[in-house]
Amino acid sequence: MFKKLLISAGAFAMLAGCASTGTNGTQSASNLAGKDARIFADYLIGSYANEIDDARNRADYFGNAYEQDASDDVLARKAVAAAWMAGDIDEAKALSRDILSKHPEEPMARAIMGGLAFSEGNYRTAERYFDVQSDDPTVQILIDIMGAWTQDALGDQEAGSERLDDLSGWAYVKVLGQIQRANLLGAEGDLDTSLAILDLADSAGVATIEVALSRARLLSESGDDEGALEFISEFDEINGGFQSGPVKVYLEDLQDDNVLSQRLTPQQEASWAMNEAAGGFFLPNRANDVAEVFLRTAATIDPTNDKSKLWLASVIKEERQDEALELYRAISPDSPYAIAARLAEADVFFDRDDDARAMSILEAANQEFDNFTTREALGRARLIRENYKDALPIYDALISEMSEEDLKNNTLPLYFRAICYEREEQWEKAVEDFRRVLEIDPEDADTLNYLGYTWVDRGENLTEAFDMIEKAVELEPDSGAIIDSLGWAHYKLGRYELAKDNLEKAVELTPNSATIVDHLGDVYWKLGRFREAGYQWQRALEFDPTEKERKNIEAKLKGGLSAATSD
């Protein structure tokens, strides 16, 4: 695509160049065409950079296009937004000033200049910038949120409340505006109205955690610390207990008889709203560019907002990993989001296939924080990397600390410990854990599948195993792994045609599984389709098989199915 865009731009330039005939008038037309071609080329490259999330080139090429045609307000908006998303505040500020000198009402430039003034507490200046209307609802939301808290900071709470009440855009965003309005009114002493608004927000299911934090904060600020503690304790219990994050911090503060933080600053309030708009609405609706603008703004107006850094890093980490790592590392160890940042940092290195570095980060995080979340993350990482021996003691410790109620709410530690037992050839213990999971949740498809498949593979309890696998298929009919189990069960019983039908379907559902493709090769061999069997085994080697699988597949490619250590 990039090549095509460059060819298109180049062809446009060549056609423009051919217009020259040597006369002054025609030469002027040629120069104009050449300028248009350069603008077009820069715009195309900037657009492609946007498609592949190349922030630096997006900013540079849109900026170049704008410099060549400062009269184009569309280019102006793209240029300043691109600089902002690249994190280049100085460039965005300079562009905004230049744009406003030519397009005084350009909303994006005004939002950026107003946001910078707002972040520094220059509220009168910010108010002037926010006195604008945009035809882009996303830019208007930015302006109205910051504008409302600017008016609050200037002492005009009524105007701020009205601006939040009239917040434009989508239903989700309107609810966010009401939550902000509740915070504003509550801080001014109107607790009853604030709590009533939060009740409505609760029923809408928007920003549930932040609504809970707002309620606890309002109760505490009104002097009802006991009520705040009772509410946040119940919220924590209903949601399974938070191992990190602000809910945990609020709970600990109130349990220690500490009054919660005083009223958030206007910048913190506005920054929170931008977080929730980005993470709760724009990202789920795949409007990543808009989400990035909101999160950049949130982090700029409140540099202490670690949640915005965490979410911003999640938006950019696929294409801009180094910048994402910088954001994760900027979150300090005493932040409520520190654990999430460390785990996300490890994920980046796993994605880079630098498992040693990733595991080192997880080990350090577990040593530093040592709670359920860090231990479970470390255990799961070891399990996924087939280090079952070292994963097992972690799950032993986790389960020993969990009550029966805890296990009912979260059976994964039991399920993962069972896998560790099975791989470490402690089969009876594995069966015990699998059965405990199924006692708690008889419709746990993964456990039904794993236990049923393993029994079939071992040639044990075949009737019960078939029942389990068929139930798992009924529960998850589109799971390639589960359909594979059913096919393998038929294979083990010599029902090769039935096995083929199921294994072909499994491969169709999950085409990149070494195990499933290998199984299909085996059944083809049993049916005398030797060339097709070899083709499937060769394909299976491309999909990262385990070391044991690799050895068996290579043996089968050399000597047929009987050459494998097991069939």
Protein backbone atom coordinates (compact mmCIF):
# COMPACT_ATOMS: atom_id res chain seq x y z
CA MET A 1 0.00 0.00 0.00
CA PHE A 2 2.81 2.39 0.90
CA LYS A 3 4.46 1.78 -2.48
CA LYS A 4 1.17 2.44 -4.26
CA LEU A 5 0.74 5.72 -2.44
CA LEU A 6 4.24 6.82 -3.35
CA ILE A 7 3.67 5.85 -6.98
CA SER A 8 0.43 7.83 -7.01
CA ALA A 9 2.14 10.88 -5.56
CA GLY A 10 5.07 10.51 -7.92
CA ALA A 11 2.78 10.14 -10.93
CA PHE A 12 0.93 13.29 -9.89
CA ALA A 13 4.25 15.17 -9.69
CA MET A 14 5.38 13.88 -13.08
CA LEU A 15 2.12 14.96 -14.72
CA ALA A 16 2.47 18.37 -13.14
CA GLY A 17 6.05 18.66 -14.36
CA CYS A 18 5.01 17.87 -17.93
CA ALA A 19 2.91 21.06 -18.00
CA SER A 20 5.98 23.25 -18.47
CA THR A 21 6.43 24.77 -21.97
CA GLY A 22 8.94 27.43 -21.16
CA THR A 23 6.61 30.49 -21.16
CA ASN A 24 6.29 32.56 -18.03
CA GLY A 25 2.57 31.89 -17.62
CA THR A 26 2.94 28.18 -18.16
CA GLN A 27 5.97 28.05 -15.90
CA SER A 28 3.90 29.59 -13.11
CA ALA A 29 1.25 26.92 -13.65
CA SER A 30 3.99 24.31 -13.54
CA ASN A 31 5.32 25.68 -10.28
CA LEU A 32 1.83 25.68 -8.84
CA ALA A 33 1.27 22.12 -10.00
CA GLY A 34 4.61 21.12 -8.53
CA LYS A 35 3.63 22.66 -5.20
CA ASP A 36 0.28 20.87 -5.29
CA ALA A 37 2.09 17.62 -6.02
CA ARG A 38 4.38 18.07 -3.02
CA ILE A 39 1.42 18.83 -0.77
CA PHE A 40 -0.41 15.82 -2.15
CA ALA A 41 2.62 13.58 -1.66
CA ASP A 42 3.14 14.76 1.94
CA TYR A 43 -0.55 14.32 2.66
CA LEU A 44 -0.55 10.79 1.24
CA ILE A 45 2.54 9.75 3.18
CA GLY A 46 1.11 11.30 6.35
CA SER A 47 -2.12 9.38 5.76
CA TYR A 48 -0.23 6.12 5.29
CA ALA A 49 1.83 6.81 8.41
CA ASN A 50 -1.48 7.26 10.23
CA GLU A 51 -2.70 3.88 8.93
CA ILE A 52 0.37 2.08 10.30
CA ASP A 53 0.50 4.21 13.47
CA ASP A 54 3.88 5.77 12.65
CA ALA A 55 3.46 8.79 14.93
CA ARG A 56 6.64 10.63 14.03
CA ASN A 57 6.17 10.46 10.25
CA ARG A 58 2.47 11.22 10.59
CA ALA A 59 3.34 14.45 12.42
CA ASP A 60 6.21 15.35 10.09
CA TYR A 61 4.36 14.85 6.81
CA PHE A 62 1.08 16.43 7.86
CA GLY A 63 3.15 19.31 9.24
CA ASN A 64 5.02 19.61 5.94
CA ALA A 65 1.74 19.66 4.01
CA TYR A 66 0.33 22.37 6.27
CA GLU A 67 3.47 24.53 5.95
CA GLN A 68 3.03 24.49 2.18
CA ASP A 69 -0.66 25.43 2.35
CA ALA A 70 -1.48 27.19 5.61
CA SER A 71 -4.83 28.29 4.19
CA ASP A 72 -6.23 24.75 4.42
CA ASP A 73 -7.97 24.37 7.79
CA VAL A 74 -8.32 20.59 7.31
CA LEU A 75 -4.55 20.25 6.96
CA ALA A 76 -4.17 22.53 9.96
CA ARG A 77 -6.28 20.27 12.15
CA LYS A 78 -4.52 17.10 10.98
CA ALA A 79 -1.09 18.65 11.51
CA VAL A 80 -1.71 19.84 15.05
CA ALA A 81 -3.50 16.63 16.09
CA ALA A 82 -0.64 14.55 14.67
CA ALA A 83 1.96 16.54 16.61
CA TRP A 84 -0.11 16.15 19.78
CA MET A 85 -0.42 12.36 19.29
CA ALA A 86 3.32 12.13 18.71
CA GLY A 87 3.79 13.60 22.18
CA ASP A 88 5.58 16.64 20.75
CA ILE A 89 4.01 19.34 22.89
CA ASP A 90 6.37 22.09 21.73
CA GLU A 91 5.58 21.38 18.07
CA ALA A 92 1.84 21.17 18.79
CA LYS A 93 2.00 24.48 20.64
CA ALA A 94 3.93 26.20 17.86
CA LEU A 95 1.57 24.83 15.21
CA SER A 96 -1.48 25.86 17.24
CA ARG A 97 -0.22 29.43 17.53
CA ASP A 98 0.47 29.60 13.83
CA ILE A 99 -2.88 28.05 12.94
CA LEU A 100 -4.80 30.45 15.19
CA SER A 101 -3.06 33.41 13.59
CA LYS A 102 -4.66 32.32 10.31
CA HIS A 103 -7.74 30.42 11.52
CA PRO A 104 -8.69 32.05 14.85
CA GLU A 105 -11.63 29.72 15.45
CA GLU A 106 -9.88 26.40 14.64
CA PRO A 107 -11.17 24.20 17.50
CA MET A 108 -8.35 21.65 17.78
CA ALA A 109 -5.70 24.34 18.05
CA ARG A 110 -7.83 26.19 20.61
CA ALA A 111 -8.32 22.95 22.59
CA ILE A 112 -4.55 22.44 22.75
CA MET A 113 -3.71 26.02 23.69
CA GLY A 114 -6.56 26.10 26.19
CA GLY A 115 -5.46 22.76 27.63
CA LEU A 116 -1.90 23.99 28.12
CA ALA A 117 -3.14 27.15 29.85
CA PHE A 118 -5.54 25.08 31.96
CA SER A 119 -2.76 22.69 32.99
CA GLU A 120 -0.71 25.63 34.26
CA GLY A 121 -3.63 27.18 36.16
CA ASN A 122 -4.00 30.12 33.77
CA TYR A 123 -7.77 29.88 33.90
CA ARG A 124 -8.68 33.24 32.33
CA THR A 125 -6.53 32.46 29.31
CA ALA A 126 -7.96 28.96 29.11
CA GLU A 127 -11.51 30.30 29.33
CA ARG A 128 -10.94 32.46 26.24
CA TYR A 129 -9.63 29.52 24.24
CA PHE A 130 -12.54 27.29 25.30
CA ASP A 131 -15.11 29.83 24.08
CA VAL A 132 -15.58 28.07 20.73
CA GLN A 133 -17.87 25.58 19.02
CA SER A 134 -16.61 22.70 16.89
CA ASP A 135 -18.37 20.66 14.22
CA ASP A 136 -16.29 17.69 15.42
CA PRO A 137 -18.07 16.22 18.48
CA THR A 138 -14.88 14.64 19.85
CA VAL A 139 -13.05 17.99 19.90
CA GLN A 140 -16.11 19.64 21.44
CA ILE A 141 -16.13 17.06 24.25
CA LEU A 142 -12.48 17.89 25.03
CA ILE A 143 -13.26 21.60 25.07
CA ASP A 144 -16.40 21.26 27.19
CA ILE A 145 -14.82 19.05 29.86
CA MET A 146 -11.85 21.37 30.35
CA GLY A 147 -14.08 24.41 29.92
CA ALA A 148 -16.43 23.25 32.70
CA TRP A 149 -13.61 22.76 35.20
CA THR A 150 -12.03 26.03 34.14
CA GLN A 151 -15.28 27.79 35.05
CA ASP A 152 -15.40 25.88 38.34
CA ALA A 153 -11.83 27.02 39.11
CA LEU A 154 -12.91 30.61 38.36
CA GLY A 155 -15.73 30.28 40.89
CA ASP A 156 -18.60 29.95 38.43
CA GLN A 157 -19.84 26.52 39.46
CA GLU A 158 -23.25 27.08 37.91
CA ALA A 159 -21.75 27.66 34.47
CA GLY A 160 -19.47 24.65 34.89
CA SER A 161 -22.40 22.45 35.90
CA GLU A 162 -24.46 23.62 32.95
CA ARG A 163 -21.62 22.91 30.53
CA LEU A 164 -21.30 19.35 31.83
CA ASP A 165 -25.07 18.89 31.78
CA ASP A 166 -25.09 19.89 28.10
CA LEU A 167 -22.09 17.72 27.14
CA SER A 168 -22.55 16.75 23.50
CA GLY A 169 -21.87 13.43 21.86
CA TRP A 170 -22.84 9.86 22.60
CA ALA A 171 -24.93 8.45 25.44
CA TYR A 172 -21.86 7.04 27.21
CA VAL A 173 -20.14 10.42 27.14
CA LYS A 174 -23.28 12.17 28.38
CA VAL A 175 -23.25 9.88 31.44
CA LEU A 176 -19.59 10.76 32.01
CA GLY A 177 -20.63 14.41 31.95
CA GLN A 178 -23.20 13.70 34.65
CA ILE A 179 -20.61 11.93 36.81
CA GLN A 180 -18.37 14.97 36.45
CA ARG A 181 -21.31 17.18 37.36
CA ALA A 182 -21.89 15.07 40.48
CA ASN A 183 -18.26 15.58 41.48
CA LEU A 184 -18.51 19.32 40.91
CA LEU A 185 -21.78 19.74 42.85
CA GLY A 186 -20.62 17.45 45.65
CA ALA A 187 -17.44 19.40 46.15
CA GLU A 188 -19.61 22.50 46.54
CA GLY A 189 -21.64 20.79 49.29
CA ASP A 190 -24.68 19.51 47.35
CA LEU A 191 -24.21 15.90 48.47
CA ASP A 192 -27.80 14.72 47.93
CA THR A 193 -27.93 15.82 44.31
CA SER A 194 -24.49 14.35 43.68
CA LEU A 195 -25.37 10.94 45.11
CA ALA A 196 -28.65 10.89 43.16
CA ILE A 197 -26.71 11.54 39.94
CA LEU A 198 -24.25 8.77 40.78
CA ASP A 199 -27.18 6.39 41.34
CA LEU A 200 -28.31 7.06 37.78
CA ALA A 201 -24.76 6.58 36.48
CA ASP A 202 -24.56 3.25 38.32
CA SER A 203 -27.72 2.06 36.61
CA ALA A 204 -26.18 2.98 33.23
CA GLY A 205 -23.12 0.82 33.95
CA VAL A 206 -20.65 3.52 32.94
CA ALA A 207 -17.21 3.84 34.59
CA THR A 208 -18.33 1.59 37.45
CA ILE A 209 -15.09 1.73 39.44
CA GLU A 210 -14.72 5.47 39.08
CA VAL A 211 -18.34 6.03 40.10
CA ALA A 212 -17.64 3.98 43.24
CA LEU A 213 -14.54 6.05 43.99
CA SER A 214 -16.51 9.26 43.48
CA ARG A 215 -19.20 8.08 45.90
CA ALA A 216 -16.64 7.13 48.56
CA ARG A 217 -14.83 10.43 48.13
CA LEU A 218 -18.03 12.48 48.37
CA LEU A 219 -19.13 10.64 51.51
CA SER A 220 -15.73 11.15 53.10
CA GLU A 221 -15.58 14.83 52.16
CA SER A 222 -19.01 15.33 53.74
CA GLY A 223 -17.63 13.91 57.00
CA ASP A 224 -19.16 10.43 56.68
CA ASP A 225 -15.96 8.37 56.71
CA GLU A 226 -17.82 5.44 58.25
CA GLY A 227 -20.32 5.44 55.40
CA ALA A 228 -17.50 5.75 52.86
CA LEU A 229 -15.72 2.75 54.41
CA GLU A 230 -18.88 0.66 54.50
CA PHE A 231 -19.62 1.42 50.85
CA ILE A 232 -16.12 0.83 49.47
CA SER A 233 -15.74 -2.37 51.54
CA GLU A 234 -18.96 -3.76 50.08
CA PHE A 235 -17.92 -2.73 46.57
CA ASP A 236 -14.54 -4.45 47.03
CA GLU A 237 -16.16 -7.64 48.32
CA ILE A 238 -18.74 -7.81 45.51
CA ASN A 239 -15.98 -7.45 42.93
CA GLY A 240 -13.77 -10.18 44.36
CA GLY A 241 -11.26 -8.00 46.20
CA PHE A 242 -8.90 -5.64 44.42
CA GLN A 243 -5.24 -6.62 44.69
CA SER A 244 -4.06 -3.26 43.38
CA GLY A 245 -5.44 -0.01 42.04
CA PRO A 246 -7.27 2.95 43.61
CA VAL A 247 -10.08 0.89 45.19
CA LYS A 248 -7.48 -0.91 47.30
CA VAL A 249 -5.85 2.42 48.21
CA TYR A 250 -9.18 3.97 49.24
CA LEU A 251 -10.07 0.93 51.32
CA GLU A 252 -6.73 0.92 53.14
CA ASP A 253 -6.92 4.66 53.80
CA LEU A 254 -10.38 4.41 55.32
CA GLN A 255 -9.52 1.30 57.33
CA ASP A 256 -6.57 3.18 58.83
CA ASP A 257 -8.93 6.01 59.85
CA ASN A 258 -7.37 8.32 57.33
CA VAL A 259 -9.58 10.83 55.59
CA LEU A 260 -9.42 10.35 51.84
CA SER A 261 -7.59 12.83 49.66
CA GLN A 262 -9.13 16.25 49.63
CA ARG A 263 -11.12 17.42 46.63
CA LEU A 264 -9.41 16.63 43.36
CA THR A 265 -8.03 19.60 41.47
CA PRO A 266 -9.92 20.82 38.39
CA GLN A 267 -7.12 19.37 36.26
CA GLN A 268 -7.43 15.95 37.93
CA GLU A 269 -11.19 15.92 37.48
CA ALA A 270 -10.98 16.80 33.78
CA SER A 271 -8.14 14.34 33.27
CA TRP A 272 -10.21 11.54 34.81
CA ALA A 273 -13.12 12.24 32.46
CA MET A 274 -10.84 12.06 29.43
CA ASN A 275 -9.47 8.72 30.65
CA GLU A 276 -12.91 7.22 30.90
CA ALA A 277 -14.08 8.59 27.57
CA ALA A 278 -10.99 7.08 25.91
CA GLY A 279 -10.93 3.71 27.65
CA GLY A 280 -14.63 3.19 28.13
CA PHE A 281 -15.97 4.46 24.82
CA PHE A 282 -13.51 5.38 22.05
CA LEU A 283 -11.20 2.37 22.38
CA PRO A 284 -14.04 -0.22 22.46
CA ASN A 285 -15.41 1.48 19.35
CA ARG A 286 -11.99 1.27 17.64
CA ALA A 287 -11.54 5.03 17.50
CA ASN A 288 -7.90 4.69 18.57
CA ASP A 289 -6.77 8.05 17.19
CA VAL A 290 -9.44 9.86 19.18
CA ALA A 291 -8.61 7.83 22.29
CA GLU A 292 -4.95 8.77 21.91
CA VAL A 293 -5.78 12.48 21.69
CA PHE A 294 -7.89 12.23 24.85
CA LEU A 295 -5.23 10.27 26.76
CA ARG A 296 -2.44 12.63 25.66
CA THR A 297 -4.54 15.52 26.88
CA ALA A 298 -5.33 13.73 30.16
CA ALA A 299 -1.64 13.10 30.83
CA THR A 300 -0.69 16.67 29.89
CA ILE A 301 -3.18 18.47 32.11
CA ASP A 302 -2.47 16.08 35.02
CA PRO A 303 1.03 14.54 34.86
CA THR A 304 0.21 12.49 37.99
CA ASN A 305 -2.53 10.60 36.13
CA ASP A 306 -0.89 7.19 35.85
CA LYS A 307 -4.05 5.58 34.51
CA SER A 308 -3.80 7.73 31.38
CA LYS A 309 -0.18 6.62 30.92
CA LEU A 310 -1.16 2.99 31.32
CA TRP A 311 -4.00 3.21 28.80
CA LEU A 312 -2.01 5.35 26.39
CA ALA A 313 0.76 2.75 26.39
CA SER A 314 -1.81 0.04 25.66
CA VAL A 315 -2.98 2.03 22.61
CA ILE A 316 0.47 2.52 21.10
CA LYS A 317 2.44 -0.56 22.22
CA GLU A 318 1.80 -2.62 19.10
CA GLU A 319 3.60 -0.17 16.82
CA ARG A 320 5.53 2.03 19.27
CA GLN A 321 6.89 -0.34 21.87
CA ASP A 322 9.79 1.81 23.03
CA GLU A 323 7.48 4.71 23.79
CA ALA A 324 5.06 2.36 25.55
CA LEU A 325 7.92 1.10 27.72
CA GLU A 326 8.81 4.67 28.66
CA LEU A 327 5.23 5.26 29.77
CA TYR A 328 5.12 2.05 31.83
CA ARG A 329 8.43 2.91 33.50
CA ALA A 330 7.23 6.44 34.28
CA ILE A 331 4.67 4.92 36.68
CA SER A 332 6.29 4.93 40.11
CA PRO A 333 6.29 1.95 42.51
CA ASP A 334 3.96 3.73 44.93
CA SER A 335 1.29 4.34 42.27
CA PRO A 336 -1.99 2.38 42.45
CA TYR A 337 -1.22 1.35 38.86
CA ALA A 338 2.36 0.19 39.49
CA ILE A 339 1.57 -3.53 39.35
CA ALA A 340 -0.42 -3.21 36.14
CA ALA A 341 2.46 -1.24 34.62
CA ARG A 342 5.07 -3.86 35.55
CA LEU A 343 2.98 -6.72 34.16
CA ALA A 344 2.34 -4.77 30.95
CA GLU A 345 6.06 -4.05 30.63
CA ALA A 346 6.77 -7.77 30.86
CA ASP A 347 4.18 -8.42 28.13
CA VAL A 348 6.09 -6.14 25.77
CA PHE A 349 9.22 -8.25 26.19
CA PHE A 350 7.27 -11.48 25.79
CA ASP A 351 5.97 -10.02 22.54
CA ARG A 352 9.57 -9.39 21.49
CA ASP A 353 10.43 -13.03 22.29
CA ASP A 354 12.77 -11.80 25.00
CA ASP A 355 11.40 -14.22 27.58
CA ALA A 356 14.42 -13.89 29.89
CA ARG A 357 13.91 -10.13 30.25
CA ALA A 358 10.15 -10.54 30.69
CA MET A 359 10.54 -13.19 33.37
CA SER A 360 13.10 -11.03 35.15
CA ILE A 361 10.56 -8.18 35.28
CA LEU A 362 7.87 -10.52 36.65
CA GLU A 363 10.26 -11.95 39.25
CA ALA A 364 11.22 -8.43 40.37
CA ALA A 365 7.57 -7.31 40.48
CA ASN A 366 6.65 -10.33 42.59
CA GLN A 367 9.51 -9.67 44.96
CA GLU A 368 8.57 -5.98 45.24
CA PHE A 369 4.80 -6.32 45.64
CA ASP A 370 4.27 -10.02 46.51
CA ASN A 371 0.50 -10.28 46.20
CA PHE A 372 -1.97 -12.58 44.50
CA THR A 373 -1.80 -10.70 41.20
CA THR A 374 1.99 -10.74 40.85
CA ARG A 375 2.28 -14.37 41.97
CA GLU A 376 -0.48 -15.52 39.63
CA ALA A 377 1.12 -13.65 36.72
CA LEU A 378 4.48 -15.26 37.46
CA GLY A 379 2.91 -18.70 37.79
CA ARG A 380 1.01 -18.35 34.53
CA ALA A 381 4.12 -17.14 32.69
CA ARG A 382 6.06 -20.17 33.90
CA LEU A 383 3.22 -22.49 32.94
CA ILE A 384 2.88 -21.03 29.43
CA ARG A 385 6.63 -21.45 28.95
CA GLU A 386 6.30 -25.09 30.04
CA ASN A 387 8.24 -24.59 33.26
CA TYR A 388 5.69 -26.65 35.18
CA LYS A 389 8.06 -27.62 37.96
CA ASP A 390 8.58 -24.00 39.05
CA ALA A 391 4.98 -22.97 38.39
CA LEU A 392 3.61 -25.68 40.67
CA PRO A 393 4.77 -24.24 44.03
CA ILE A 394 3.30 -20.86 43.11
CA TYR A 395 -0.13 -22.39 42.55
CA ASP A 396 0.25 -24.49 45.71
CA ALA A 397 0.83 -21.31 47.70
CA LEU A 398 -2.00 -19.41 46.01
CA ILE A 399 -4.55 -22.15 46.61
CA SER A 400 -3.49 -22.61 50.24
CA GLU A 401 -4.30 -18.93 50.84
CA MET A 402 -7.71 -19.07 49.14
CA SER A 403 -10.91 -19.79 51.02
CA GLU A 404 -13.61 -22.01 49.56
CA GLU A 405 -15.50 -18.86 48.64
CA ASP A 406 -12.40 -17.50 46.89
CA LEU A 407 -12.08 -20.71 44.89
CA LYS A 408 -15.74 -20.59 43.92
CA ASN A 409 -15.17 -17.10 42.54
CA ASN A 410 -11.92 -18.03 40.79
CA THR A 411 -11.16 -21.63 39.80
CA LEU A 412 -8.23 -20.78 37.52
CA PRO A 413 -5.51 -21.51 40.13
CA LEU A 414 -6.97 -25.02 40.55
CA TYR A 415 -7.17 -25.52 36.80
CA PHE A 416 -3.60 -24.34 36.23
CA ARG A 417 -2.24 -26.41 39.12
CA ALA A 418 -3.96 -29.46 37.62
CA ILE A 419 -2.16 -28.83 34.34
CA CYS A 420 1.16 -28.56 36.20
CA TYR A 421 0.46 -31.83 38.00
CA GLU A 422 -0.44 -33.58 34.73
CA ARG A 423 2.72 -32.37 32.99
CA GLU A 424 4.83 -33.34 35.98
CA GLU A 425 3.30 -36.84 35.81
CA GLN A 426 1.37 -36.49 39.08
CA TRP A 427 -1.82 -37.62 37.41
CA GLU A 428 -3.92 -38.53 40.44
CA LYS A 429 -3.39 -35.08 41.93
CA ALA A 430 -4.25 -33.52 38.58
CA VAL A 431 -7.55 -35.45 38.43
CA GLU A 432 -8.38 -34.33 41.96
CA ASP A 433 -7.96 -30.66 41.03
CA PHE A 434 -9.86 -31.03 37.74
CA ARG A 435 -12.74 -32.68 39.61
CA ARG A 436 -12.77 -29.88 42.19
CA VAL A 437 -13.13 -27.34 39.38
CA LEU A 438 -16.05 -29.30 37.92
CA GLU A 439 -17.72 -29.58 41.33
CA ILE A 440 -17.68 -25.77 41.49
CA ASP A 441 -18.58 -25.25 37.82
CA PRO A 442 -19.89 -28.37 36.02
CA GLU A 443 -19.97 -26.40 32.75
CA ASP A 444 -16.34 -25.33 32.68
CA ALA A 445 -15.66 -26.28 29.05
CA ASP A 446 -11.87 -26.00 29.30
CA THR A 447 -11.70 -28.37 32.25
CA LEU A 448 -14.14 -30.83 30.69
CA ASN A 449 -12.03 -30.80 27.56
CA TYR A 450 -8.65 -31.10 29.26
CA LEU A 451 -9.64 -33.94 31.58
CA GLY A 452 -11.62 -35.78 28.90
CA TYR A 453 -8.86 -35.44 26.31
CA THR A 454 -6.15 -36.62 28.71
CA TRP A 455 -8.19 -39.65 29.76
CA VAL A 456 -8.70 -40.55 26.10
CA ASP A 457 -5.00 -40.10 25.39
CA ARG A 458 -4.19 -42.37 28.34
CA GLY A 459 -6.86 -44.89 27.35
CA GLU A 460 -8.70 -44.49 30.68
CA ASN A 461 -12.32 -43.86 31.65
CA LEU A 462 -13.30 -43.64 27.99
CA THR A 463 -17.06 -43.48 28.53
CA GLU A 464 -16.82 -40.63 31.02
CA ALA A 465 -14.15 -38.95 28.90
CA PHE A 466 -16.40 -39.03 25.81
CA ASP A 467 -19.28 -37.58 27.81
CA MET A 468 -17.04 -34.76 29.03
CA ILE A 469 -15.70 -33.91 25.59
CA GLU A 470 -19.14 -33.99 23.99
CA LYS A 471 -20.44 -31.69 26.71
CA ALA A 472 -17.50 -29.36 26.12
CA VAL A 473 -18.29 -29.33 22.38
CA GLU A 474 -21.90 -28.47 23.16
CA LEU A 475 -20.74 -25.59 25.35
CA GLU A 476 -18.06 -24.32 22.94
CA PRO A 477 -18.99 -25.51 19.43
CA ASP A 478 -16.57 -23.10 17.74
CA SER A 479 -13.48 -24.09 19.72
CA GLY A 480 -10.88 -25.79 17.54
CA ALA A 481 -9.12 -27.23 20.58
CA ILE A 482 -12.29 -28.88 21.88
CA ILE A 483 -13.33 -30.23 18.46
CA ASP A 484 -9.79 -31.61 18.20
CA SER A 485 -10.33 -33.50 21.45
CA LEU A 486 -13.45 -35.13 20.07
CA GLY A 487 -11.63 -36.06 16.88
CA TRP A 488 -8.71 -37.48 18.84
CA ALA A 489 -11.06 -39.51 20.99
CA HIS A 490 -12.51 -41.12 17.85
CA TYR A 491 -8.97 -41.67 16.57
CA LYS A 492 -7.90 -43.47 19.73
CA LEU A 493 -10.89 -45.80 19.35
CA GLY A 494 -10.06 -46.51 15.70
CA ARG A 495 -12.98 -44.52 14.29
CA TYR A 496 -10.82 -42.86 11.66
CA GLU A 497 -13.51 -41.44 9.39
CA LEU A 498 -15.24 -39.76 12.34
CA ALA A 499 -11.85 -38.62 13.57
CA LYS A 500 -11.06 -37.12 10.14
CA ASP A 501 -14.33 -35.19 9.99
CA ASN A 502 -13.78 -33.63 13.41
CA LEU A 503 -10.07 -32.97 12.95
CA GLU A 504 -10.63 -31.26 9.60
CA LYS A 505 -13.20 -29.03 11.27
CA ALA A 506 -10.79 -28.35 14.14
CA VAL A 507 -8.05 -27.31 11.70
CA GLU A 508 -10.51 -25.04 9.94
CA LEU A 509 -11.37 -23.36 13.25
CA THR A 510 -7.76 -23.20 14.53
CA PRO A 511 -5.45 -23.46 11.51
CA ASN A 512 -2.22 -22.52 13.31
CA SER A 513 -2.19 -25.15 16.09
CA ALA A 514 0.73 -27.57 15.77
CA THR A 515 -1.10 -30.16 17.87
CA ILE A 516 -4.30 -30.12 15.82
CA VAL A 517 -2.51 -30.13 12.45
CA ASP A 518 -0.29 -32.99 13.66
CA HIS A 519 -3.37 -34.99 14.68
CA LEU A 520 -4.90 -34.48 11.25
CA GLY A 521 -1.70 -35.83 9.69
CA ASP A 522 -1.95 -38.94 11.88
CA VAL A 523 -5.50 -39.71 10.86
CA TYR A 524 -4.69 -39.19 7.17
CA TRP A 525 -1.91 -41.75 7.55
CA LYS A 526 -4.29 -44.23 9.15
CA LEU A 527 -6.62 -43.75 6.17
CA GLY A 528 -3.79 -44.44 3.71
CA ARG A 529 -3.50 -40.83 2.58
CA PHE A 530 0.26 -40.79 3.11
CA ARG A 531 1.18 -37.77 1.02
CA GLU A 532 -1.47 -35.63 2.75
CA ALA A 533 -0.26 -36.89 6.12
CA GLY A 534 3.30 -35.78 5.33
CA TYR A 535 2.03 -32.39 4.19
CA GLN A 536 0.16 -31.85 7.48
CA TRP A 537 3.13 -32.96 9.58
CA GLN A 538 5.38 -30.57 7.67
CA ARG A 539 2.88 -27.76 8.30
CA ALA A 540 2.72 -28.60 12.00
CA LEU A 541 6.44 -27.88 12.32
CA GLU A 542 5.74 -24.28 11.28
CA PHE A 543 3.42 -23.62 14.23
CA ASP A 544 5.79 -23.76 17.22
CA PRO A 545 5.21 -27.33 18.46
CA THR A 546 6.54 -28.41 21.86
CA GLU A 547 9.93 -30.13 21.87
CA LYS A 548 8.27 -33.53 22.34
CA GLU A 549 5.86 -32.85 19.46
CA ARG A 550 8.70 -31.69 17.23
CA LYS A 551 10.72 -34.86 17.79
CA ASN A 552 7.71 -37.05 17.04
CA ILE A 553 6.77 -35.11 13.91
CA GLU A 554 10.32 -35.23 12.55
CA ALA A 555 10.42 -38.98 13.21
CA LYS A 556 7.11 -39.47 11.38
CA LEU A 557 8.34 -37.45 8.41
CA LYS A 558 11.28 -39.82 8.11
CA GLY A 559 9.68 -43.17 8.92
CA GLY A 560 5.92 -42.80 8.93
CA LEU A 561 3.47 -42.96 11.82
CA SER A 562 5.05 -46.02 13.41
CA ALA A 563 8.35 -44.16 13.81
CA ALA A 564 6.86 -41.85 16.45
CA THR A 565 7.51 -42.66 20.08
CA SER A 566 3.73 -42.64 20.57
CA ASP A 567 0.80 -42.34 18.18
